[in-house]
Amino acid sequence: MRKTLLITIFALILSGSFFGRAFAQDTTPPTDDEVNAIAKQLFCPVCESTPLDVCPTEACHDWREQIRTMLSEGKSEEEILQYFTDQYGDKVRATPPATGLNWLVYILPPTLILIGAIILFRSMREWTKPKTVETGVGGEGSATPSDRSDQDDYVARFEEELKKRK
């Protein structure tokens, strides 16, 4: 009795593993959209700076088929990208990984734009700030009463000229 029970359990375990394989084979193959989602993150090995998803060369077709095969094997997007990076180097990636000096690609442009905006803001504020004349006793900025009367005469003549033009 015990032997029969063990054989039955063993048979169920084996049949379950066969069903699992059968179900795994019945999964749908990856779609073109799934393949192209990964392929657009890679560059063509033959053409210069052409994304893999739009390149018509035979090499790109082979790479897309390899991506399709890897997806059907159950590999993740990151595993596939890492495979191609390991095989062909960082130059096949559309976006370089942020390691080593590559992180400068991500940090330097925004930093330079921010510094430029700060310089431009401060310059614009300086250009639009009205210049003030310091009036005080003695010193360069102080105006004597005779200077003020000359300036007042000038302002009066200037205003008369403006009235005549209207």
N, C-alpha and C. Protein backbone atom coordinates (compact mmCIF):
# COMPACT_ATOMS: atom_id res chain seq x y z
N MET A 1 0.82 -1.18 0.00
CA MET A 1 0.00 0.00 0.00
C MET A 1 0.87 1.25 0.00
N ARG A 2 1.85 1.21 0.86
CA ARG A 2 2.74 2.35 0.95
C ARG A 2 3.52 2.53 -0.35
N LYS A 3 3.92 1.42 -0.95
CA LYS A 3 4.66 1.46 -2.21
C LYS A 3 3.78 2.04 -3.32
N THR A 4 2.54 1.69 -3.36
CA THR A 4 1.60 2.19 -4.36
C THR A 4 1.40 3.70 -4.19
N LEU A 5 1.31 4.14 -2.98
CA LEU A 5 1.14 5.56 -2.69
C LEU A 5 2.36 6.35 -3.16
N LEU A 6 3.56 5.84 -2.91
CA LEU A 6 4.79 6.51 -3.35
C LEU A 6 4.87 6.57 -4.88
N ILE A 7 4.49 5.49 -5.53
CA ILE A 7 4.52 5.46 -7.01
C ILE A 7 3.51 6.47 -7.56
N THR A 8 2.35 6.57 -6.96
CA THR A 8 1.32 7.51 -7.41
C THR A 8 1.80 8.96 -7.23
N ILE A 9 2.41 9.26 -6.10
CA ILE A 9 2.93 10.62 -5.85
C ILE A 9 4.04 10.95 -6.84
N PHE A 10 4.91 9.98 -7.07
CA PHE A 10 6.00 10.19 -8.02
C PHE A 10 5.46 10.43 -9.43
N ALA A 11 4.43 9.68 -9.82
CA ALA A 11 3.81 9.83 -11.14
C ALA A 11 3.17 11.21 -11.28
N LEU A 12 2.53 11.69 -10.22
CA LEU A 12 1.91 13.01 -10.26
C LEU A 12 2.96 14.11 -10.38
N ILE A 13 4.05 13.94 -9.69
CA ILE A 13 5.13 14.93 -9.77
C ILE A 13 5.70 14.98 -11.18
N LEU A 14 5.95 13.82 -11.77
CA LEU A 14 6.48 13.78 -13.13
C LEU A 14 5.49 14.35 -14.14
N SER A 15 4.23 14.01 -14.00
CA SER A 15 3.23 14.53 -14.94
C SER A 15 3.09 16.04 -14.81
N GLY A 16 3.24 16.55 -13.60
CA GLY A 16 3.18 18.00 -13.39
C GLY A 16 4.33 18.71 -14.07
N SER A 17 5.50 18.10 -14.07
CA SER A 17 6.64 18.74 -14.73
C SER A 17 6.46 18.72 -16.24
N PHE A 18 5.83 17.69 -16.79
CA PHE A 18 5.59 17.66 -18.23
C PHE A 18 4.57 18.72 -18.63
N PHE A 19 3.52 18.87 -17.80
CA PHE A 19 2.52 19.89 -18.10
C PHE A 19 3.13 21.28 -18.03
N GLY A 20 4.01 21.49 -17.07
CA GLY A 20 4.68 22.79 -16.95
C GLY A 20 5.47 23.12 -18.20
N ARG A 21 6.14 22.13 -18.76
CA ARG A 21 6.89 22.37 -20.00
C ARG A 21 5.95 22.63 -21.17
N ALA A 22 4.88 21.92 -21.21
CA ALA A 22 3.92 22.10 -22.30
C ALA A 22 3.31 23.49 -22.24
N PHE A 23 3.00 23.96 -21.04
CA PHE A 23 2.44 25.29 -20.91
C PHE A 23 3.48 26.36 -21.27
N ALA A 24 4.73 26.11 -20.93
CA ALA A 24 5.77 27.08 -21.24
C ALA A 24 5.96 27.22 -22.74
N GLN A 25 5.75 26.14 -23.48
CA GLN A 25 5.91 26.19 -24.93
C GLN A 25 4.71 26.85 -25.59
N ASP A 26 3.59 26.90 -24.91
CA ASP A 26 2.39 27.49 -25.49
C ASP A 26 2.35 29.01 -25.33
N THR A 27 3.35 29.62 -24.71
CA THR A 27 3.34 31.07 -24.55
C THR A 27 3.48 31.73 -25.91
N THR A 28 2.92 32.90 -26.02
CA THR A 28 2.96 33.62 -27.29
C THR A 28 4.36 34.18 -27.52
N PRO A 29 4.81 34.18 -28.76
CA PRO A 29 6.14 34.74 -29.04
C PRO A 29 6.11 36.26 -28.85
N PRO A 30 7.27 36.85 -28.59
CA PRO A 30 7.31 38.30 -28.38
C PRO A 30 6.85 39.05 -29.64
N THR A 31 6.13 40.13 -29.43
CA THR A 31 5.65 40.94 -30.55
C THR A 31 6.75 41.84 -31.07
N ASP A 32 6.52 42.41 -32.25
CA ASP A 32 7.50 43.34 -32.82
C ASP A 32 7.67 44.58 -31.93
N ASP A 33 6.59 44.99 -31.28
CA ASP A 33 6.68 46.15 -30.39
C ASP A 33 7.59 45.87 -29.21
N GLU A 34 7.50 44.67 -28.66
CA GLU A 34 8.37 44.30 -27.54
C GLU A 34 9.83 44.24 -27.98
N VAL A 35 10.06 43.70 -29.16
CA VAL A 35 11.43 43.62 -29.68
C VAL A 35 11.96 45.02 -29.97
N ASN A 36 11.13 45.87 -30.59
CA ASN A 36 11.57 47.22 -30.95
C ASN A 36 11.76 48.11 -29.73
N ALA A 37 11.05 47.83 -28.64
CA ALA A 37 11.24 48.60 -27.41
C ALA A 37 12.67 48.43 -26.90
N ILE A 38 13.23 47.25 -27.07
CA ILE A 38 14.62 47.01 -26.68
C ILE A 38 15.56 47.46 -27.79
N ALA A 39 15.19 47.20 -29.04
CA ALA A 39 16.06 47.52 -30.17
C ALA A 39 16.31 49.02 -30.30
N LYS A 40 15.36 49.86 -29.90
CA LYS A 40 15.57 51.31 -30.02
C LYS A 40 16.60 51.82 -29.00
N GLN A 41 16.95 50.99 -28.03
CA GLN A 41 17.95 51.36 -27.04
C GLN A 41 19.36 50.95 -27.47
N LEU A 42 19.45 50.33 -28.66
CA LEU A 42 20.74 49.88 -29.18
C LEU A 42 21.00 50.54 -30.53
N PHE A 43 22.28 50.70 -30.87
CA PHE A 43 22.67 51.24 -32.17
C PHE A 43 23.09 50.11 -33.10
N CYS A 44 22.94 50.35 -34.38
CA CYS A 44 23.32 49.39 -35.41
C CYS A 44 24.84 49.15 -35.34
N PRO A 45 25.29 47.88 -35.48
CA PRO A 45 26.72 47.60 -35.45
C PRO A 45 27.43 48.03 -36.74
N VAL A 46 26.67 48.23 -37.81
CA VAL A 46 27.26 48.56 -39.12
C VAL A 46 27.15 50.06 -39.42
N CYS A 47 25.95 50.60 -39.27
CA CYS A 47 25.69 52.01 -39.59
C CYS A 47 26.07 52.89 -38.40
N GLU A 48 26.49 54.09 -38.70
CA GLU A 48 26.89 55.03 -37.65
C GLU A 48 25.65 55.72 -37.07
N SER A 49 25.45 55.62 -35.79
CA SER A 49 24.39 56.32 -35.05
C SER A 49 22.99 56.07 -35.59
N THR A 50 22.70 54.85 -36.00
CA THR A 50 21.35 54.49 -36.45
C THR A 50 20.75 53.53 -35.43
N PRO A 51 19.58 53.85 -34.89
CA PRO A 51 18.96 52.94 -33.93
C PRO A 51 18.65 51.59 -34.57
N LEU A 52 18.77 50.55 -33.79
CA LEU A 52 18.59 49.18 -34.28
C LEU A 52 17.17 48.92 -34.77
N ASP A 53 16.18 49.59 -34.20
CA ASP A 53 14.80 49.31 -34.57
C ASP A 53 14.41 49.83 -35.94
N VAL A 54 15.16 50.77 -36.51
CA VAL A 54 14.81 51.33 -37.82
C VAL A 54 15.84 51.03 -38.90
N CYS A 55 16.91 50.36 -38.57
CA CYS A 55 17.98 50.09 -39.52
C CYS A 55 17.59 48.91 -40.42
N PRO A 56 17.74 49.05 -41.75
CA PRO A 56 17.32 47.98 -42.66
C PRO A 56 18.41 46.94 -42.96
N THR A 57 19.59 47.04 -42.38
CA THR A 57 20.67 46.12 -42.72
C THR A 57 20.39 44.71 -42.21
N GLU A 58 21.07 43.75 -42.79
CA GLU A 58 20.90 42.35 -42.41
C GLU A 58 21.43 42.10 -40.99
N ALA A 59 22.49 42.81 -40.63
CA ALA A 59 23.04 42.66 -39.27
C ALA A 59 22.00 43.07 -38.23
N CYS A 60 21.30 44.16 -38.48
CA CYS A 60 20.26 44.61 -37.54
C CYS A 60 19.10 43.63 -37.49
N HIS A 61 18.75 43.06 -38.64
CA HIS A 61 17.69 42.06 -38.66
C HIS A 61 18.08 40.86 -37.79
N ASP A 62 19.35 40.45 -37.90
CA ASP A 62 19.83 39.33 -37.08
C ASP A 62 19.80 39.68 -35.60
N TRP A 63 20.18 40.90 -35.26
CA TRP A 63 20.16 41.32 -33.86
C TRP A 63 18.73 41.34 -33.33
N ARG A 64 17.78 41.84 -34.13
CA ARG A 64 16.39 41.86 -33.68
C ARG A 64 15.86 40.44 -33.47
N GLU A 65 16.25 39.51 -34.34
CA GLU A 65 15.84 38.12 -34.16
C GLU A 65 16.48 37.52 -32.90
N GLN A 66 17.72 37.93 -32.63
CA GLN A 66 18.38 37.45 -31.42
C GLN A 66 17.65 38.00 -30.19
N ILE A 67 17.21 39.25 -30.25
CA ILE A 67 16.44 39.84 -29.14
C ILE A 67 15.12 39.08 -28.97
N ARG A 68 14.47 38.75 -30.09
CA ARG A 68 13.20 38.01 -30.04
C ARG A 68 13.43 36.64 -29.37
N THR A 69 14.52 35.97 -29.73
CA THR A 69 14.84 34.67 -29.15
C THR A 69 15.09 34.79 -27.65
N MET A 70 15.85 35.79 -27.27
CA MET A 70 16.16 35.98 -25.86
C MET A 70 14.90 36.30 -25.05
N LEU A 71 13.99 37.10 -25.64
CA LEU A 71 12.73 37.40 -24.96
C LEU A 71 11.89 36.14 -24.79
N SER A 72 11.86 35.30 -25.82
CA SER A 72 11.07 34.06 -25.72
C SER A 72 11.68 33.09 -24.71
N GLU A 73 13.00 33.22 -24.46
CA GLU A 73 13.65 32.40 -23.43
C GLU A 73 13.36 32.93 -22.03
N GLY A 74 12.75 34.10 -21.95
CA GLY A 74 12.37 34.65 -20.66
C GLY A 74 13.36 35.64 -20.08
N LYS A 75 14.32 36.10 -20.87
CA LYS A 75 15.30 37.07 -20.37
C LYS A 75 14.67 38.45 -20.28
N SER A 76 15.11 39.21 -19.30
CA SER A 76 14.56 40.55 -19.09
C SER A 76 15.24 41.55 -20.02
N GLU A 77 14.66 42.73 -20.10
CA GLU A 77 15.20 43.79 -20.95
C GLU A 77 16.63 44.15 -20.53
N GLU A 78 16.85 44.26 -19.24
CA GLU A 78 18.18 44.64 -18.74
C GLU A 78 19.21 43.55 -19.04
N GLU A 79 18.81 42.30 -18.95
CA GLU A 79 19.73 41.21 -19.27
C GLU A 79 20.12 41.24 -20.74
N ILE A 80 19.16 41.54 -21.60
CA ILE A 80 19.45 41.59 -23.04
C ILE A 80 20.37 42.75 -23.35
N LEU A 81 20.08 43.93 -22.78
CA LEU A 81 20.95 45.08 -23.02
C LEU A 81 22.36 44.83 -22.48
N GLN A 82 22.45 44.18 -21.34
CA GLN A 82 23.76 43.87 -20.76
C GLN A 82 24.51 42.88 -21.65
N TYR A 83 23.80 41.92 -22.24
CA TYR A 83 24.43 40.95 -23.14
C TYR A 83 25.09 41.67 -24.32
N PHE A 84 24.34 42.56 -24.96
CA PHE A 84 24.89 43.28 -26.11
C PHE A 84 26.03 44.21 -25.70
N THR A 85 25.92 44.81 -24.52
CA THR A 85 26.99 45.68 -24.03
C THR A 85 28.25 44.86 -23.75
N ASP A 86 28.09 43.68 -23.18
CA ASP A 86 29.24 42.82 -22.91
C ASP A 86 29.89 42.35 -24.21
N GLN A 87 29.08 42.07 -25.22
CA GLN A 87 29.61 41.56 -26.49
C GLN A 87 30.28 42.65 -27.33
N TYR A 88 29.68 43.87 -27.38
CA TYR A 88 30.13 44.88 -28.33
C TYR A 88 30.60 46.19 -27.69
N GLY A 89 30.51 46.30 -26.39
CA GLY A 89 30.97 47.50 -25.71
C GLY A 89 29.86 48.52 -25.52
N ASP A 90 30.20 49.61 -24.82
CA ASP A 90 29.21 50.65 -24.51
C ASP A 90 28.74 51.41 -25.74
N LYS A 91 29.48 51.35 -26.83
CA LYS A 91 29.11 52.14 -28.02
C LYS A 91 27.81 51.68 -28.67
N VAL A 92 27.35 50.45 -28.36
CA VAL A 92 26.10 49.99 -28.95
C VAL A 92 24.88 50.51 -28.19
N ARG A 93 25.07 51.03 -27.01
CA ARG A 93 23.94 51.55 -26.23
C ARG A 93 23.57 52.95 -26.70
N ALA A 94 22.29 53.21 -26.82
CA ALA A 94 21.83 54.54 -27.22
C ALA A 94 22.11 55.56 -26.13
N THR A 95 21.97 55.14 -24.88
CA THR A 95 22.31 56.01 -23.75
C THR A 95 23.45 55.35 -22.99
N PRO A 96 24.57 56.03 -22.88
CA PRO A 96 25.71 55.42 -22.19
C PRO A 96 25.41 55.22 -20.71
N PRO A 97 25.92 54.14 -20.14
CA PRO A 97 25.68 53.93 -18.71
C PRO A 97 26.39 54.99 -17.89
N ALA A 98 25.80 55.36 -16.77
CA ALA A 98 26.35 56.44 -15.93
C ALA A 98 27.44 55.89 -15.02
N THR A 99 28.52 55.43 -15.61
CA THR A 99 29.66 54.92 -14.85
C THR A 99 30.92 55.58 -15.37
N GLY A 100 31.93 55.63 -14.53
CA GLY A 100 33.21 56.23 -14.94
C GLY A 100 33.02 57.70 -15.30
N LEU A 101 33.62 58.13 -16.40
CA LEU A 101 33.48 59.51 -16.84
C LEU A 101 32.18 59.75 -17.61
N ASN A 102 31.43 58.69 -17.92
CA ASN A 102 30.16 58.86 -18.64
C ASN A 102 29.14 59.65 -17.85
N TRP A 103 29.26 59.69 -16.53
CA TRP A 103 28.30 60.45 -15.72
C TRP A 103 28.36 61.92 -16.02
N LEU A 104 29.50 62.40 -16.58
CA LEU A 104 29.61 63.81 -16.96
C LEU A 104 28.58 64.18 -18.04
N VAL A 105 28.23 63.21 -18.88
CA VAL A 105 27.25 63.46 -19.94
C VAL A 105 25.91 63.86 -19.33
N TYR A 106 25.60 63.34 -18.17
CA TYR A 106 24.33 63.62 -17.52
C TYR A 106 24.39 64.84 -16.61
N ILE A 107 25.57 65.14 -16.06
CA ILE A 107 25.70 66.22 -15.08
C ILE A 107 26.12 67.54 -15.72
N LEU A 108 27.05 67.51 -16.65
CA LEU A 108 27.65 68.74 -17.17
C LEU A 108 26.66 69.66 -17.91
N PRO A 109 25.86 69.20 -18.87
CA PRO A 109 24.95 70.13 -19.56
C PRO A 109 23.96 70.84 -18.65
N PRO A 110 23.25 70.15 -17.75
CA PRO A 110 22.34 70.90 -16.88
C PRO A 110 23.08 71.89 -15.97
N THR A 111 24.27 71.53 -15.54
CA THR A 111 25.04 72.42 -14.68
C THR A 111 25.42 73.69 -15.44
N LEU A 112 25.90 73.52 -16.68
CA LEU A 112 26.28 74.69 -17.48
C LEU A 112 25.07 75.58 -17.79
N ILE A 113 23.93 74.97 -18.06
CA ILE A 113 22.72 75.75 -18.33
C ILE A 113 22.31 76.54 -17.08
N LEU A 114 22.40 75.92 -15.92
CA LEU A 114 22.06 76.59 -14.67
C LEU A 114 23.01 77.76 -14.40
N ILE A 115 24.30 77.55 -14.58
CA ILE A 115 25.27 78.63 -14.36
C ILE A 115 25.02 79.78 -15.35
N GLY A 116 24.75 79.46 -16.61
CA GLY A 116 24.45 80.49 -17.60
C GLY A 116 23.20 81.28 -17.26
N ALA A 117 22.18 80.60 -16.75
CA ALA A 117 20.94 81.28 -16.36
C ALA A 117 21.18 82.22 -15.19
N ILE A 118 22.00 81.80 -14.23
CA ILE A 118 22.31 82.66 -13.08
C ILE A 118 23.07 83.90 -13.53
N ILE A 119 24.06 83.71 -14.41
CA ILE A 119 24.84 84.85 -14.91
C ILE A 119 23.94 85.80 -15.69
N LEU A 120 23.07 85.27 -16.54
CA LEU A 120 22.16 86.10 -17.32
C LEU A 120 21.20 86.86 -16.41
N PHE A 121 20.66 86.20 -15.39
CA PHE A 121 19.74 86.85 -14.46
C PHE A 121 20.42 88.01 -13.74
N ARG A 122 21.63 87.77 -13.25
CA ARG A 122 22.34 88.84 -12.53
C ARG A 122 22.69 89.99 -13.47
N SER A 123 23.09 89.69 -14.70
CA SER A 123 23.42 90.74 -15.65
C SER A 123 22.20 91.57 -16.00
N MET A 124 21.06 90.90 -16.22
CA MET A 124 19.83 91.63 -16.55
C MET A 124 19.42 92.53 -15.39
N ARG A 125 19.58 92.05 -14.17
CA ARG A 125 19.22 92.85 -13.00
C ARG A 125 20.14 94.08 -12.91
N GLU A 126 21.42 93.90 -13.21
CA GLU A 126 22.36 95.02 -13.17
C GLU A 126 22.04 96.04 -14.27
N TRP A 127 21.69 95.54 -15.46
CA TRP A 127 21.40 96.45 -16.57
C TRP A 127 20.15 97.27 -16.33
N THR A 128 19.16 96.68 -15.65
CA THR A 128 17.89 97.38 -15.46
C THR A 128 17.85 98.20 -14.18
N LYS A 129 18.83 98.05 -13.31
CA LYS A 129 18.86 98.80 -12.06
C LYS A 129 19.20 100.27 -12.37
N PRO A 130 18.39 101.21 -11.87
CA PRO A 130 18.69 102.63 -12.14
C PRO A 130 19.95 103.05 -11.39
N LYS A 131 20.71 103.88 -12.05
CA LYS A 131 21.93 104.40 -11.43
C LYS A 131 21.55 105.54 -10.50
N THR A 132 22.05 105.51 -9.29
CA THR A 132 21.75 106.57 -8.34
C THR A 132 22.98 107.42 -8.14
N VAL A 133 22.74 108.72 -7.99
CA VAL A 133 23.83 109.67 -7.73
C VAL A 133 23.87 109.91 -6.24
N GLU A 134 25.02 109.73 -5.68
CA GLU A 134 25.16 109.95 -4.24
C GLU A 134 25.30 111.44 -3.98
N THR A 135 24.45 111.95 -3.11
CA THR A 135 24.55 113.36 -2.73
C THR A 135 25.01 113.41 -1.29
N GLY A 136 26.00 114.13 -1.07
CA GLY A 136 26.54 114.21 0.27
C GLY A 136 27.39 115.47 0.39
N VAL A 137 27.91 115.70 1.53
CA VAL A 137 28.74 116.87 1.77
C VAL A 137 30.14 116.55 1.27
N GLY A 138 30.66 117.40 0.40
CA GLY A 138 32.00 117.17 -0.15
C GLY A 138 31.98 115.90 -0.99
N GLY A 139 32.99 115.54 -1.59
CA GLY A 139 33.05 114.30 -2.35
C GLY A 139 32.64 114.51 -3.79
N GLU A 140 32.83 113.45 -4.59
CA GLU A 140 32.61 113.55 -6.03
C GLU A 140 31.14 113.66 -6.38
N GLY A 141 30.26 112.93 -5.69
CA GLY A 141 28.86 112.89 -6.06
C GLY A 141 28.08 114.09 -5.60
N SER A 142 28.63 114.97 -4.80
CA SER A 142 27.84 116.08 -4.29
C SER A 142 27.76 117.19 -5.33
N ALA A 143 26.61 117.82 -5.38
CA ALA A 143 26.40 118.91 -6.33
C ALA A 143 26.32 120.22 -5.57
N THR A 144 27.02 121.23 -6.05
CA THR A 144 26.99 122.55 -5.42
C THR A 144 25.74 123.27 -5.88
N PRO A 145 25.30 124.29 -5.16
CA PRO A 145 24.08 125.01 -5.56
C PRO A 145 24.18 125.59 -6.96
N SER A 146 25.36 126.06 -7.41
CA SER A 146 25.47 126.61 -8.76
C SER A 146 25.30 125.51 -9.80
N ASP A 147 25.79 124.29 -9.48
CA ASP A 147 25.61 123.17 -10.41
C ASP A 147 24.14 122.82 -10.54
N ARG A 148 23.40 122.87 -9.42
CA ARG A 148 21.98 122.53 -9.45
C ARG A 148 21.20 123.54 -10.27
N SER A 149 21.55 124.81 -10.18
CA SER A 149 20.82 125.83 -10.94
C SER A 149 21.10 125.67 -12.43
N ASP A 150 22.35 125.31 -12.79
CA ASP A 150 22.66 125.06 -14.21
C ASP A 150 21.86 123.86 -14.71
N GLN A 151 21.76 122.86 -13.87
CA GLN A 151 21.02 121.65 -14.25
C GLN A 151 19.54 121.95 -14.34
N ASP A 152 19.01 122.76 -13.43
CA ASP A 152 17.60 123.12 -13.47
C ASP A 152 17.28 123.91 -14.73
N ASP A 153 18.18 124.83 -15.13
CA ASP A 153 17.98 125.59 -16.37
C ASP A 153 17.94 124.65 -17.57
N TYR A 154 18.82 123.69 -17.56
CA TYR A 154 18.87 122.73 -18.66
C TYR A 154 17.57 121.93 -18.74
N VAL A 155 17.09 121.46 -17.61
CA VAL A 155 15.86 120.68 -17.57
C VAL A 155 14.69 121.53 -18.04
N ALA A 156 14.65 122.79 -17.64
CA ALA A 156 13.56 123.68 -18.04
C ALA A 156 13.59 123.89 -19.55
N ARG A 157 14.78 124.14 -20.12
CA ARG A 157 14.87 124.33 -21.58
C ARG A 157 14.48 123.04 -22.32
N PHE A 158 14.87 121.93 -21.79
CA PHE A 158 14.55 120.65 -22.42
C PHE A 158 13.04 120.41 -22.44
N GLU A 159 12.36 120.72 -21.35
CA GLU A 159 10.91 120.56 -21.28
C GLU A 159 10.21 121.50 -22.24
N GLU A 160 10.73 122.74 -22.40
CA GLU A 160 10.14 123.68 -23.35
C GLU A 160 10.27 123.15 -24.77
N GLU A 161 11.42 122.59 -25.11
CA GLU A 161 11.64 122.02 -26.45
C GLU A 161 10.66 120.89 -26.73
N LEU A 162 10.43 120.08 -25.73
CA LEU A 162 9.50 118.96 -25.90
C LEU A 162 8.07 119.47 -26.12
N LYS A 163 7.67 120.54 -25.41
CA LYS A 163 6.34 121.12 -25.57
C LYS A 163 6.18 121.71 -26.96
N LYS A 164 7.25 122.30 -27.50
CA LYS A 164 7.16 122.90 -28.84
C LYS A 164 6.99 121.84 -29.92
N ARG A 165 7.54 120.67 -29.72
CA ARG A 165 7.46 119.61 -30.73
C ARG A 165 6.07 118.99 -30.79
N LYS A 166 5.32 119.07 -29.72
CA LYS A 166 3.97 118.48 -29.70
C LYS A 166 3.05 119.30 -30.44
